[in-house]
Each structure stands twice: as C-alpha cells, then as structure tokens.
Amino acid sequence: MYSIIGILIVFGAVAGGYVLEKGNLLVLLQPAELLIIGGAAVGTVLIANPLHVLTAIAHGVGKAFKGSDFTSKRYLDSMKMLHDLFNQARRGGLPAIEQDIEDPRNSKIFSNFPTVVKDLHVRGFICDTLRMATTGAADPFDIDQMMELDLESRRRETGQPVAALSTMADSLPGLGIVAAVLGVVITMGAMGGAPEEIGHKVAAALVGTFLGILLCYGLVGPVATKMSHEAEEEREYYHVLRVALTAFIKGMPPILAVETARRAIPGRLRPSFRSLEAVCRGKESAVPAQNAA
C-alpha cells in the first residue's frame, strides 16, 4: 500500500511542479519515447536472465505492492507450531513426529497453521531439518551447518531478481539517452521545416532523457530496493526458525527453545515473553508486540 502511495507522490510531485511552471503535460506524452525506453529495458532483462529469475522478478514486484508477509502474527503462529511439534517429539520421541514431517499437508499440527505451511520453502526447511534429527545420524552441529547451507542457497535465490531489477534500473538513464539521440536524428532530418515542427521534435527528444531518469530513480529503482527489504525480512524469519530448531535439537525443552527463538525476532515484531508463553500454552490467540505489551 505504501509503495503505491509513494509512486503516486513521486509522479504527482513531478507533474505538479511541471504544471506550476506553466508546462504543458501533453508535451510529456510521447508514446514512441516510452516504447523505446520501456521495450529496450524489458529486452535487456530477457536477454540477461533465465526464466526462473524472470518469474521471480514478476512475483517480487507483485509482493512489493502488498504488505509484508512477516508480521507479529506470522512469527507467533510459527513459534506455536514449532512448540507443538517439539512437545509431541518430547513426549513420544522424535519418531512420534515422523508422520507429520513426511506428510505435512495431512498433519494435525501443520494443518492448524495454513499461513505458515502454504510456503513451500518454509515447510521444506522445517521438515527436512527435523527429518535429519529423527535419523540420529547427524549431531546438532552438523544439522546446524545443513541449515546454514540451506539459508545461503535461499539468499542467493532471492538476491537474483533484486540484482536483475537493479540492473534494469541502472540501464534506464542510458536508454533514455538512446531515445533522445534518436529524437535528435529525427530533428536533424526535419531541419528547414516549420519552427513549430522542429521544436516539437526537440521536446520529444528531451522527454526521452527525462523518462529514463524518472523511471530509474522514481519507479524501478525503489521497487528493486523494496524487493531487497522483503528478501531481508525473509532471511530474518528463517534465522528465527533456525534458532528454534537448533535449540530443540540440542536438547532444550520446547518452551525454552521457542523462547530462545523469540529473542532472535526483530524488535519491531517481537512479542513479549508472556504473550509467547500464553499462546504456546493455548491460553490466548491474540499477540501484541513487545513494545506494546
């Protein structure tokens, strides 16, 4: 929501200032210049990136205009889910959760947290880690290293669309110059014509440079930065899951394992100890952040 408001402010401020200086907005409507810049920018992205990165860019841009998925409720639901899993494993041993981690879609525990479980990567991260713990073939240090490798792989994966979109943003001013140069070429071909016609063509050429710079710094660049923030929030979330899983695998009681993970939640989203304990004990469902507790 805020992203859309920001874009409206950027374009509204630019257009408003232009109108206040007695500018004619119709002069800025140059479809040919926009086609050159936009088409060339999209083409460079298609040339430079494989299909999975292009798909990730489209998905990331869509998420950039939505609210963050990683809210206080998301963290509390995750802590409650892990607490329930840990409790079941503590009562019946790690084999007691084998069916849950092998078929999470039909698990009684996982089915209570659809928002968490619908994320394929998160589900795989939790289930794969606990699966290794149930085998007894790896010690806690080795499992923690496996999680580190998993997170590093995910970091690279989420960084690719951000880098691709940032590269596109960097190319826009140059493509704006290309459009301007083509406009100058057309203008030179019209030399000797009516002054009004020549002036119109010069204005169209300058609009190309203007659009390239505006789209770079006012739209595509900020969207790429927003995607980068989303990726960082996801890394913070995975780190919290890793802390909880590591603590339990090392032998901590379930409530202490999730309390350890609570300390890793970013301060702006961190629930209080009492809120976490109440949710894990099934005494409440609403969760205030710590700074509001």
Protein backbone atom coordinates (compact mmCIF):
# COMPACT_ATOMS: atom_id res chain seq x y z
CA MET A 1 0.00 0.00 0.00
CA TYR A 2 2.72 2.47 0.97
CA SER A 3 4.60 1.63 -2.23
CA ILE A 4 1.63 2.70 -4.34
CA ILE A 5 1.25 5.89 -2.31
CA GLY A 6 4.97 6.62 -2.76
CA ILE A 7 4.77 6.17 -6.53
CA LEU A 8 1.76 8.48 -6.71
CA ILE A 9 3.65 11.10 -4.68
CA VAL A 10 6.71 10.85 -6.95
CA PHE A 11 4.81 11.22 -10.21
CA GLY A 12 2.34 13.70 -8.72
CA ALA A 13 5.13 15.94 -7.42
CA VAL A 14 6.99 15.88 -10.75
CA ALA A 15 3.88 16.56 -12.80
CA GLY A 16 2.60 19.15 -10.31
CA GLY A 17 5.86 21.08 -10.32
CA TYR A 18 5.94 20.98 -14.11
CA VAL A 19 2.40 22.37 -14.32
CA LEU A 20 3.20 25.11 -11.78
CA GLU A 21 5.98 26.24 -14.12
CA LYS A 22 3.34 26.61 -16.85
CA GLY A 23 4.40 23.39 -18.57
CA ASN A 24 2.09 21.56 -20.94
CA LEU A 25 1.52 17.98 -19.77
CA LEU A 26 0.62 16.90 -23.29
CA VAL A 27 4.21 17.52 -24.33
CA LEU A 28 5.32 14.76 -21.92
CA LEU A 29 3.02 12.23 -23.57
CA GLN A 30 5.48 10.69 -26.00
CA PRO A 31 4.46 7.06 -26.63
CA ALA A 32 7.33 6.49 -29.04
CA GLU A 33 9.92 7.52 -26.46
CA LEU A 34 8.28 5.33 -23.82
CA LEU A 35 8.20 2.40 -26.23
CA ILE A 36 11.92 2.77 -26.98
CA ILE A 37 12.94 3.03 -23.33
CA GLY A 38 10.50 0.52 -21.85
CA GLY A 39 10.85 -2.02 -24.65
CA ALA A 40 14.64 -1.87 -24.61
CA ALA A 41 14.73 -2.19 -20.80
CA VAL A 42 12.47 -5.24 -20.82
CA GLY A 43 14.52 -6.72 -23.65
CA THR A 44 17.77 -6.37 -21.71
CA VAL A 45 16.20 -8.20 -18.76
CA LEU A 46 15.02 -11.00 -21.05
CA ILE A 47 18.50 -11.30 -22.57
CA ALA A 48 20.34 -11.39 -19.26
CA ASN A 49 18.17 -13.66 -17.12
CA PRO A 50 16.82 -17.23 -17.27
CA LEU A 51 13.13 -17.98 -16.96
CA HIS A 52 13.15 -18.73 -13.23
CA VAL A 53 14.65 -15.31 -12.49
CA LEU A 54 12.09 -13.59 -14.71
CA THR A 55 9.33 -15.40 -12.85
CA ALA A 56 10.86 -14.37 -9.52
CA ILE A 57 11.01 -10.74 -10.69
CA ALA A 58 7.30 -10.76 -11.55
CA HIS A 59 6.47 -12.39 -8.21
CA GLY A 60 8.70 -9.98 -6.29
CA VAL A 61 7.26 -6.90 -7.96
CA GLY A 62 3.78 -8.09 -7.06
CA LYS A 63 4.78 -8.58 -3.42
CA ALA A 64 6.41 -5.14 -3.33
CA PHE A 65 2.97 -3.56 -3.65
CA LYS A 66 1.49 -5.67 -0.85
CA GLY A 67 2.05 -5.63 2.87
CA SER A 68 4.83 -7.69 4.38
CA ASP A 69 4.13 -11.39 4.97
CA PHE A 70 6.32 -11.39 8.07
CA THR A 71 4.12 -9.88 10.75
CA SER A 72 3.97 -10.43 14.50
CA LYS A 73 1.16 -12.91 13.96
CA ARG A 74 3.24 -14.86 11.44
CA TYR A 75 6.06 -15.15 13.95
CA LEU A 76 3.74 -16.20 16.76
CA ASP A 77 2.00 -18.79 14.60
CA SER A 78 5.40 -20.19 13.69
CA MET A 79 6.53 -20.33 17.31
CA LYS A 80 3.29 -22.02 18.34
CA MET A 81 3.61 -24.57 15.52
CA LEU A 82 7.19 -25.40 16.43
CA HIS A 83 6.28 -25.61 20.11
CA ASP A 84 3.54 -28.15 19.32
CA LEU A 85 5.92 -30.19 17.18
CA PHE A 86 8.61 -30.11 19.83
CA ASN A 87 6.13 -31.10 22.53
CA GLN A 88 4.95 -34.09 20.56
CA ALA A 89 8.53 -35.15 19.89
CA ARG A 90 9.42 -34.73 23.56
CA ARG A 91 6.50 -36.85 24.75
CA GLY A 92 6.83 -39.67 22.21
CA GLY A 93 10.38 -39.27 20.99
CA LEU A 94 11.44 -37.95 17.59
CA PRO A 95 9.77 -40.90 15.78
CA ALA A 96 6.43 -39.51 17.01
CA ILE A 97 6.65 -36.63 14.51
CA GLU A 98 7.83 -38.68 11.54
CA GLN A 99 4.35 -38.83 10.01
CA ASP A 100 3.92 -35.07 10.46
CA ILE A 101 7.16 -34.17 8.70
CA GLU A 102 6.75 -36.76 5.98
CA ASP A 103 3.23 -35.62 5.09
CA PRO A 104 2.77 -32.08 6.48
CA ARG A 105 -0.33 -31.41 4.36
CA ASN A 106 -2.23 -34.07 6.32
CA SER A 107 -0.57 -33.39 9.66
CA LYS A 108 -2.87 -32.34 12.51
CA ILE A 109 -0.22 -29.94 13.77
CA PHE A 110 0.70 -28.34 10.46
CA SER A 111 -2.93 -28.07 9.34
CA ASN A 112 -3.60 -25.65 12.20
CA PHE A 113 -1.18 -23.14 10.65
CA PRO A 114 -2.09 -22.84 6.93
CA THR A 115 -0.38 -19.46 6.51
CA VAL A 116 2.95 -20.97 7.51
CA VAL A 117 2.56 -24.33 5.82
CA LYS A 118 1.49 -23.00 2.42
CA ASP A 119 5.01 -21.60 1.98
CA LEU A 120 6.81 -24.45 0.24
CA HIS A 121 10.28 -23.27 1.21
CA VAL A 122 9.45 -22.81 4.88
CA ARG A 123 7.72 -26.17 5.06
CA GLY A 124 10.67 -27.87 3.44
CA PHE A 125 13.17 -26.11 5.69
CA ILE A 126 11.40 -27.26 8.87
CA CYS A 127 10.57 -30.78 7.73
CA ASP A 128 13.98 -31.51 6.19
CA THR A 129 15.74 -30.34 9.35
CA LEU A 130 13.58 -32.41 11.68
CA ARG A 131 13.85 -35.38 9.32
CA MET A 132 17.64 -35.31 9.73
CA ALA A 133 17.19 -35.08 13.51
CA THR A 134 14.91 -38.15 13.58
CA THR A 135 17.50 -40.27 11.79
CA GLY A 136 20.00 -39.81 14.61
CA ALA A 137 22.80 -39.92 12.04
CA ALA A 138 23.87 -36.29 12.48
CA ASP A 139 24.78 -34.32 15.58
CA PRO A 140 23.32 -30.85 16.29
CA PHE A 141 26.37 -29.07 14.87
CA ASP A 142 26.11 -30.90 11.55
CA ILE A 143 22.37 -30.19 11.31
CA ASP A 144 23.01 -26.52 12.03
CA GLN A 145 25.55 -26.44 9.21
CA MET A 146 22.98 -28.01 6.89
CA MET A 147 20.56 -25.24 7.79
CA GLU A 148 23.28 -22.69 7.10
CA LEU A 149 23.79 -24.15 3.63
CA ASP A 150 20.03 -24.09 3.03
CA LEU A 151 19.78 -20.44 4.06
CA GLU A 152 22.76 -19.45 1.93
CA SER A 153 21.18 -21.13 -1.08
CA ARG A 154 17.92 -19.30 -0.40
CA ARG A 155 19.79 -15.99 -0.01
CA ARG A 156 21.34 -16.37 -3.43
CA GLU A 157 17.99 -17.33 -4.92
CA THR A 158 16.16 -14.29 -3.53
CA GLY A 159 19.04 -12.00 -4.45
CA GLN A 160 18.93 -12.80 -8.17
CA PRO A 161 15.66 -10.99 -9.04
CA VAL A 162 16.71 -7.98 -6.97
CA ALA A 163 20.03 -7.76 -8.81
CA ALA A 164 18.31 -8.17 -12.19
CA LEU A 165 15.78 -5.41 -11.48
CA SER A 166 18.52 -3.12 -10.13
CA THR A 167 20.49 -3.65 -13.33
CA MET A 168 17.41 -2.74 -15.33
CA ALA A 169 17.01 0.44 -13.29
CA ASP A 170 20.66 1.37 -13.90
CA SER A 171 20.15 0.93 -17.64
CA LEU A 172 17.16 3.26 -17.90
CA PRO A 173 19.05 6.62 -17.95
CA GLY A 174 21.29 5.28 -20.73
CA LEU A 175 18.29 4.05 -22.68
CA GLY A 176 16.73 7.46 -22.19
CA ILE A 177 19.80 8.96 -23.86
CA VAL A 178 19.39 6.47 -26.72
CA ALA A 179 15.80 7.66 -27.20
CA ALA A 180 16.97 11.28 -27.04
CA VAL A 181 19.69 10.68 -29.65
CA LEU A 182 17.16 9.08 -31.98
CA GLY A 183 14.94 12.13 -31.43
CA VAL A 184 17.84 14.39 -32.37
CA VAL A 185 18.45 12.34 -35.51
CA ILE A 186 14.80 12.81 -36.50
CA THR A 187 15.06 16.52 -35.68
CA MET A 188 18.11 16.94 -37.89
CA GLY A 189 16.23 15.29 -40.72
CA ALA A 190 13.48 17.87 -40.33
CA MET A 191 15.79 20.89 -40.48
CA GLY A 192 14.43 23.50 -42.82
CA GLY A 193 10.85 22.75 -41.84
CA ALA A 194 8.50 24.85 -39.77
CA PRO A 195 9.94 26.07 -36.44
CA GLU A 196 6.94 24.60 -34.59
CA GLU A 197 7.64 21.15 -36.02
CA ILE A 198 11.33 21.31 -35.14
CA GLY A 199 10.50 22.50 -31.61
CA HIS A 200 8.10 19.62 -31.11
CA LYS A 201 10.72 17.09 -32.19
CA VAL A 202 13.37 18.61 -29.91
CA ALA A 203 10.92 18.45 -26.99
CA ALA A 204 10.17 14.79 -27.77
CA ALA A 205 13.90 14.01 -27.77
CA LEU A 206 14.40 15.66 -24.37
CA VAL A 207 11.41 13.80 -22.95
CA GLY A 208 13.29 10.57 -23.68
CA THR A 209 16.09 11.56 -21.29
CA PHE A 210 13.56 12.76 -18.75
CA LEU A 211 11.61 9.48 -18.80
CA GLY A 212 14.73 7.35 -18.49
CA ILE A 213 15.90 9.20 -15.39
CA LEU A 214 12.44 9.37 -13.80
CA LEU A 215 11.71 5.68 -14.31
CA CYS A 216 15.12 4.76 -12.91
CA TYR A 217 15.05 6.82 -9.72
CA GLY A 218 11.31 7.20 -9.26
CA LEU A 219 9.94 3.76 -10.02
CA VAL A 220 12.13 0.78 -10.94
CA GLY A 221 14.99 1.56 -8.55
CA PRO A 222 12.72 2.00 -5.49
CA VAL A 223 10.79 -1.17 -6.37
CA ALA A 224 14.08 -3.10 -6.51
CA THR A 225 15.02 -1.68 -3.11
CA LYS A 226 11.63 -2.71 -1.69
CA MET A 227 12.20 -6.24 -3.02
CA SER A 228 15.58 -6.22 -1.27
CA HIS A 229 13.89 -5.31 2.03
CA GLU A 230 11.38 -8.13 1.53
CA ALA A 231 14.23 -10.58 0.98
CA GLU A 232 15.95 -9.35 4.16
CA GLU A 233 12.73 -9.83 6.16
CA GLU A 234 12.54 -13.38 4.86
CA ARG A 235 16.14 -14.04 5.96
CA GLU A 236 15.30 -12.73 9.43
CA TYR A 237 12.35 -15.11 9.59
CA TYR A 238 14.42 -18.12 8.55
CA HIS A 239 17.04 -17.20 11.13
CA VAL A 240 14.41 -17.35 13.86
CA LEU A 241 13.29 -20.79 12.69
CA ARG A 242 16.90 -21.94 12.66
CA VAL A 243 17.46 -20.75 16.22
CA ALA A 244 14.38 -22.61 17.47
CA LEU A 245 15.24 -25.84 15.65
CA THR A 246 18.85 -25.77 16.78
CA ALA A 247 17.90 -25.14 20.39
CA PHE A 248 15.46 -28.06 20.46
CA ILE A 249 17.82 -30.45 18.70
CA LYS A 250 20.46 -29.59 21.29
CA GLY A 251 18.07 -30.78 24.00
CA MET A 252 16.29 -27.66 25.24
CA PRO A 253 12.68 -28.07 26.44
CA PRO A 254 10.12 -26.85 23.87
CA ILE A 255 9.18 -23.68 25.71
CA LEU A 256 12.84 -22.70 26.15
CA ALA A 257 13.58 -23.47 22.51
CA VAL A 258 10.88 -21.10 21.27
CA GLU A 259 11.85 -18.52 23.90
CA THR A 260 15.40 -18.61 22.56
CA ALA A 261 13.98 -18.05 19.08
CA ARG A 262 11.81 -15.18 20.35
CA ARG A 263 14.99 -13.32 21.27
CA ALA A 264 16.03 -13.50 17.60
CA ILE A 265 12.80 -11.92 16.31
CA PRO A 266 13.36 -8.30 15.18
CA GLY A 267 12.42 -5.88 17.95
CA ARG A 268 9.65 -4.20 15.97
CA LEU A 269 7.83 -7.54 15.72
CA ARG A 270 8.94 -9.36 18.85
CA PRO A 271 6.16 -10.47 21.19
CA SER A 272 6.60 -10.35 24.93
CA PHE A 273 7.61 -13.45 26.87
CA ARG A 274 4.20 -13.63 28.49
CA SER A 275 2.40 -13.40 25.15
CA LEU A 276 4.52 -16.18 23.69
CA GLU A 277 4.02 -18.38 26.73
CA ALA A 278 0.26 -17.79 26.74
CA VAL A 279 -0.04 -18.66 23.05
CA CYS A 280 2.09 -21.79 23.40
CA ARG A 281 0.04 -22.89 26.43
CA GLY A 282 -3.15 -22.28 24.46
CA LYS A 283 -4.38 -19.50 26.74
CA GLU A 284 -4.75 -16.77 24.09
CA SER A 285 -4.52 -16.23 20.36
CA ALA A 286 -4.04 -12.50 20.01
CA VAL A 287 -0.42 -11.43 20.26
CA PRO A 288 0.78 -7.87 20.90
CA ALA A 289 4.32 -6.85 20.04
CA GLN A 290 6.75 -6.49 22.94
CA ASN A 291 6.94 -2.73 22.67
CA ALA A 292 3.14 -2.64 23.05
CA ALA A 293 2.97 -5.13 25.90
